[in-house]
């Protein structure tokens, strides 16, 4: 089920049942909520009522969270494809096949869509046509979702590394070593990249140089992605 709760009281406003568990985080744009399910379907619901606007079936489970940009919905599937759907009609605009499942949620910036795949590659595609601009090979599967900031794209890999690549060219600027696989997605604020790792540590890294600024040790592996609000970092 996808649930909509009153933000102040916590009361359930509506819920919508799919045919499988939901790992995908919903995106809301223009009063429509978009999300994927392990039943291999992307759903678009009316945000206020939970009524179905449209659904789009793919070849396997959707763990990737959708991104809505310029009237299109971008998301990956474990069927190895990135899909781009018209946000209003639910029609397929284009898709792109990789060599592994896509659990990474795409980022769209300056007409380019960025995402990682379980084929260990990170991709930059033309957001309108799906043409490949560049790709970069990491040392293991990529589940972490990218962040683009100031012309740099940041993401983690299961090779234990946080990567910073030139967004336009894919050139590696720096990497930062953690003690275990990275499933957490980075957040960037105040010139700092924050990311969690299965080493149980939240890492704060200088966004330009890749040098460690500080870290915080928790009691277990971090798969949660950090959020920064008013100079406070929240992470599970």
Protein backbone atom coordinates (compact mmCIF):
# COMPACT_ATOMS: atom_id res chain seq x y z
CA UNK A 1 0.00 0.00 0.00
CA UNK A 2 0.91 3.61 -0.61
CA UNK A 3 -0.40 5.78 2.24
CA UNK A 4 -1.27 9.48 2.34
CA UNK A 5 -1.33 10.90 5.87
CA UNK A 6 -2.40 14.27 7.22
CA UNK A 7 0.95 15.93 7.95
CA UNK A 8 -0.18 17.47 11.26
CA UNK A 9 -2.33 14.73 12.79
CA UNK A 10 -0.98 11.55 11.17
CA UNK A 11 -4.51 10.51 10.22
CA UNK A 12 -4.83 8.36 7.08
CA UNK A 13 -6.35 10.35 4.21
CA UNK A 14 -6.29 7.46 1.73
CA UNK A 15 -4.30 4.39 0.73
CA UNK A 16 -3.79 2.61 -2.57
CA UNK A 17 -3.01 -1.11 -2.82
CA UNK A 18 -0.60 -2.46 -5.41
CA UNK A 19 0.30 -6.04 -6.28
CA UNK A 20 3.60 -6.06 -4.39
CA UNK A 21 5.76 -4.35 -1.76
CA UNK A 22 6.78 -0.73 -2.34
CA UNK A 23 10.45 0.30 -1.96
CA UNK A 24 10.18 3.25 -4.36
CA UNK A 25 9.90 6.68 -2.71
CA UNK A 26 6.97 8.69 -4.15
CA UNK A 27 7.43 11.90 -6.11
CA UNK A 28 4.68 14.53 -6.22
CA UNK A 29 4.28 17.04 -9.04
CA UNK A 30 1.24 19.04 -10.19
CA UNK A 31 -1.09 17.25 -7.72
CA UNK A 32 -0.09 13.80 -8.98
CA UNK A 33 1.94 11.26 -6.98
CA UNK A 34 4.23 8.87 -8.88
CA UNK A 35 5.79 5.69 -7.46
CA UNK A 36 6.84 2.19 -8.42
CA UNK A 37 6.05 -1.20 -6.93
CA UNK A 38 7.66 -4.63 -6.93
CA UNK A 39 4.64 -5.69 -9.01
CA UNK A 40 6.61 -4.18 -11.96
CA UNK A 41 4.27 -1.21 -12.40
CA UNK A 42 4.70 2.55 -12.15
CA UNK A 43 1.61 4.31 -10.78
CA UNK A 44 0.31 7.86 -11.12
CA UNK A 45 -2.38 8.77 -8.55
CA UNK A 46 -4.35 11.89 -7.77
CA UNK A 47 -2.51 13.28 -4.76
CA UNK A 48 -5.66 14.49 -2.98
CA UNK A 49 -7.88 11.45 -3.51
CA UNK A 50 -5.61 8.49 -4.33
CA UNK A 51 -7.56 7.88 -7.54
CA UNK A 52 -5.62 6.16 -10.35
CA UNK A 53 -4.63 8.51 -13.17
CA UNK A 54 -2.63 5.92 -15.12
CA UNK A 55 -0.24 3.00 -14.65
CA UNK A 56 2.62 1.71 -16.76
CA UNK A 57 3.85 -1.93 -16.57
CA UNK A 58 7.52 -2.83 -17.10
CA UNK A 59 9.46 -6.10 -17.25
CA UNK A 60 10.42 -6.50 -13.60
CA UNK A 61 10.27 -4.93 -10.14
CA UNK A 62 10.67 -1.17 -9.64
CA UNK A 63 12.82 -0.25 -6.65
CA UNK A 64 14.09 3.00 -8.17
CA UNK A 65 12.26 6.15 -7.10
CA UNK A 66 10.84 8.32 -9.89
CA UNK A 67 12.06 11.79 -10.78
CA UNK A 68 9.68 14.25 -12.47
CA UNK A 69 11.19 16.92 -14.71
CA UNK A 70 9.86 18.94 -17.66
CA UNK A 71 6.65 16.92 -17.95
CA UNK A 72 8.36 13.52 -17.90
CA UNK A 73 8.79 10.79 -15.27
CA UNK A 74 12.21 9.08 -15.11
CA UNK A 75 12.75 5.78 -13.27
CA UNK A 76 14.70 2.54 -13.42
CA UNK A 77 13.68 -1.10 -13.16
CA UNK A 78 15.39 -4.35 -12.27
CA UNK A 79 14.61 -5.37 -15.88
CA UNK A 80 17.83 -3.40 -16.64
CA UNK A 81 16.07 -0.44 -18.30
CA UNK A 82 15.65 3.25 -17.55
CA UNK A 83 12.18 4.45 -18.58
CA UNK A 84 10.92 7.91 -19.41
CA UNK A 85 7.12 8.32 -19.36
CA UNK A 86 4.96 11.29 -20.31
CA UNK A 87 3.74 12.56 -16.92
CA UNK A 88 0.26 13.48 -18.19
CA UNK A 89 -0.63 10.58 -20.47
CA UNK A 90 1.45 7.71 -19.14
CA UNK A 91 2.85 7.02 -22.63
CA UNK A 92 6.43 5.81 -23.10
CA UNK A 93 8.74 8.52 -24.45
CA UNK A 94 11.91 6.40 -24.55
CA UNK A 95 13.86 3.73 -22.67
CA UNK A 96 17.52 2.82 -22.33
CA UNK A 97 18.90 -0.68 -21.69
CA UNK A 98 21.87 -1.27 -19.39
CA UNK A 99 23.67 -4.46 -18.44
CA UNK A 100 22.14 -4.78 -14.97
CA UNK A 101 19.20 -3.89 -12.78
CA UNK A 102 18.64 -0.22 -11.97
CA UNK A 103 17.87 0.56 -8.34
CA UNK A 104 19.47 4.00 -8.46
CA UNK A 105 16.99 6.85 -8.75
CA UNK A 106 17.79 9.20 -11.63
CA UNK A 107 18.75 12.86 -11.31
CA UNK A 108 17.89 15.30 -14.10
CA UNK A 109 19.92 18.50 -14.51
CA UNK A 110 20.62 20.80 -17.46
CA UNK A 111 18.93 18.48 -19.95
CA UNK A 112 20.85 15.39 -18.81
CA UNK A 113 19.62 12.38 -16.82
CA UNK A 114 22.18 10.70 -14.52
CA UNK A 115 21.86 7.26 -12.89
CA UNK A 116 23.80 4.16 -11.87
CA UNK A 117 23.24 0.51 -12.73
CA UNK A 118 24.06 -2.88 -11.25
CA UNK A 119 26.33 -3.38 -14.29
CA UNK A 120 28.76 -1.14 -12.29
CA UNK A 121 28.38 1.71 -14.79
CA UNK A 122 27.19 5.25 -14.20
CA UNK A 123 25.36 6.85 -17.14
CA UNK A 124 24.67 10.34 -18.44
CA UNK A 125 21.98 10.44 -21.15
CA UNK A 126 20.28 13.20 -23.11
CA UNK A 127 17.07 13.71 -21.12
CA UNK A 128 14.99 14.34 -24.24
CA UNK A 129 16.25 11.66 -26.63
CA UNK A 130 17.94 9.03 -24.42
CA UNK A 131 21.19 9.27 -26.40
CA UNK A 132 24.25 8.39 -24.31
CA UNK A 133 26.51 11.34 -23.56
CA UNK A 134 29.03 9.43 -21.44
CA UNK A 135 29.39 6.54 -19.00
CA UNK A 136 31.83 5.79 -16.20
CA UNK A 137 32.74 2.34 -14.85
CA UNK A 138 33.03 1.93 -11.08
CA UNK A 139 34.35 -1.11 -9.24
CA UNK A 140 31.01 -2.66 -8.31
CA UNK A 141 27.23 -2.30 -8.48
CA UNK A 142 25.72 1.16 -8.12
CA UNK A 143 22.52 1.44 -6.07
CA UNK A 144 23.18 4.94 -4.71
CA UNK A 145 21.24 7.75 -6.36
CA UNK A 146 23.22 10.70 -7.73
CA UNK A 147 23.19 14.37 -6.76
CA UNK A 148 24.28 17.08 -9.19
CA UNK A 149 25.65 20.31 -7.71
CA UNK A 150 27.82 23.07 -9.19
CA UNK A 151 28.67 21.07 -12.30
CA UNK A 152 29.67 17.94 -10.37
CA UNK A 153 27.76 14.67 -10.00
CA UNK A 154 28.21 12.69 -6.77
CA UNK A 155 27.24 9.04 -6.11
CA UNK A 156 28.30 6.02 -4.08
CA UNK A 157 29.13 2.51 -5.22
CA UNK A 158 29.26 -0.94 -3.66
CA UNK A 159 33.04 -0.77 -4.23
CA UNK A 160 33.05 1.32 -0.98
CA UNK A 161 33.82 4.58 -2.83
CA UNK A 162 32.08 7.95 -3.07
CA UNK A 163 32.66 9.40 -6.54
CA UNK A 164 32.77 12.98 -7.79
CA UNK A 165 32.66 13.28 -11.60
CA UNK A 166 32.58 16.26 -13.92
CA UNK A 167 28.89 16.39 -14.88
CA UNK A 168 29.53 17.50 -18.46
CA UNK A 169 32.26 15.00 -19.38
CA UNK A 170 32.26 12.16 -16.82
CA UNK A 171 35.87 12.89 -15.90
CA UNK A 172 36.75 11.69 -12.40
CA UNK A 173 37.55 14.55 -10.04
CA UNK A 174 38.08 12.52 -6.87
CA UNK A 175 36.99 9.46 -4.89
CA UNK A 176 36.56 8.99 -1.13
CA UNK A 177 37.07 5.60 0.52
CA UNK A 178 34.61 4.32 3.14
CA UNK A 179 34.82 1.06 5.06
CA UNK A 180 32.03 -0.85 3.33
CA UNK A 181 29.49 -0.77 0.50
CA UNK A 182 27.52 2.42 -0.13
CA UNK A 183 23.78 2.14 -0.73
CA UNK A 184 23.00 5.56 0.78
CA UNK A 185 22.60 8.49 -1.59
CA UNK A 186 24.63 11.66 -1.02
CA UNK A 187 23.31 15.06 -0.02
CA UNK A 188 25.23 18.27 -0.76
CA UNK A 189 25.00 21.49 1.26
CA UNK A 190 27.40 24.22 2.46
CA UNK A 191 30.12 22.85 0.16
CA UNK A 192 30.01 19.47 1.93
CA UNK A 193 28.92 16.03 0.69
CA UNK A 194 27.18 13.89 3.31
CA UNK A 195 26.78 10.14 2.76
CA UNK A 196 26.24 6.99 4.81
CA UNK A 197 27.93 3.62 4.40
CA UNK A 198 27.48 0.03 5.58
CA UNK A 199 30.51 0.75 7.77
CA UNK A 200 27.97 2.42 10.11
CA UNK A 201 29.50 5.86 9.63
CA UNK A 202 28.02 9.10 8.30
CA UNK A 203 30.79 10.75 6.30
CA UNK A 204 31.12 14.51 5.69
CA UNK A 205 33.46 15.19 2.77
CA UNK A 206 34.70 18.45 1.22
CA UNK A 207 32.76 18.79 -2.04
CA UNK A 208 35.66 20.23 -4.02
CA UNK A 209 38.67 18.28 -2.73
CA UNK A 210 37.17 14.99 -1.48
CA UNK A 211 38.96 15.34 1.87
CA UNK A 212 37.29 14.19 5.10
CA UNK A 213 35.86 16.97 7.27
CA UNK A 214 34.27 14.82 9.96
CA UNK A 215 32.43 11.54 10.50
CA UNK A 216 29.87 10.18 12.94
CA UNK A 217 29.65 6.52 13.97
CA UNK A 218 26.18 5.00 14.45
CA UNK A 219 25.18 1.61 15.79
CA UNK A 220 24.66 -0.12 12.45
CA UNK A 221 24.87 0.01 8.67
CA UNK A 222 23.49 3.18 7.04
CA UNK A 223 21.28 2.69 3.99
CA UNK A 224 19.22 5.81 4.71
CA UNK A 225 20.10 8.92 2.73
CA UNK A 226 20.85 12.07 4.75
CA UNK A 227 18.83 15.28 4.61
CA UNK A 228 20.11 18.69 5.68
CA UNK A 229 17.76 21.34 7.08
CA UNK A 230 18.93 24.54 8.84
CA UNK A 231 22.49 23.24 9.27
CA UNK A 232 21.34 19.99 10.87
CA UNK A 233 21.92 16.58 9.21
CA UNK A 234 19.23 13.92 9.69
CA UNK A 235 19.99 10.28 8.88
CA UNK A 236 18.63 6.87 9.88
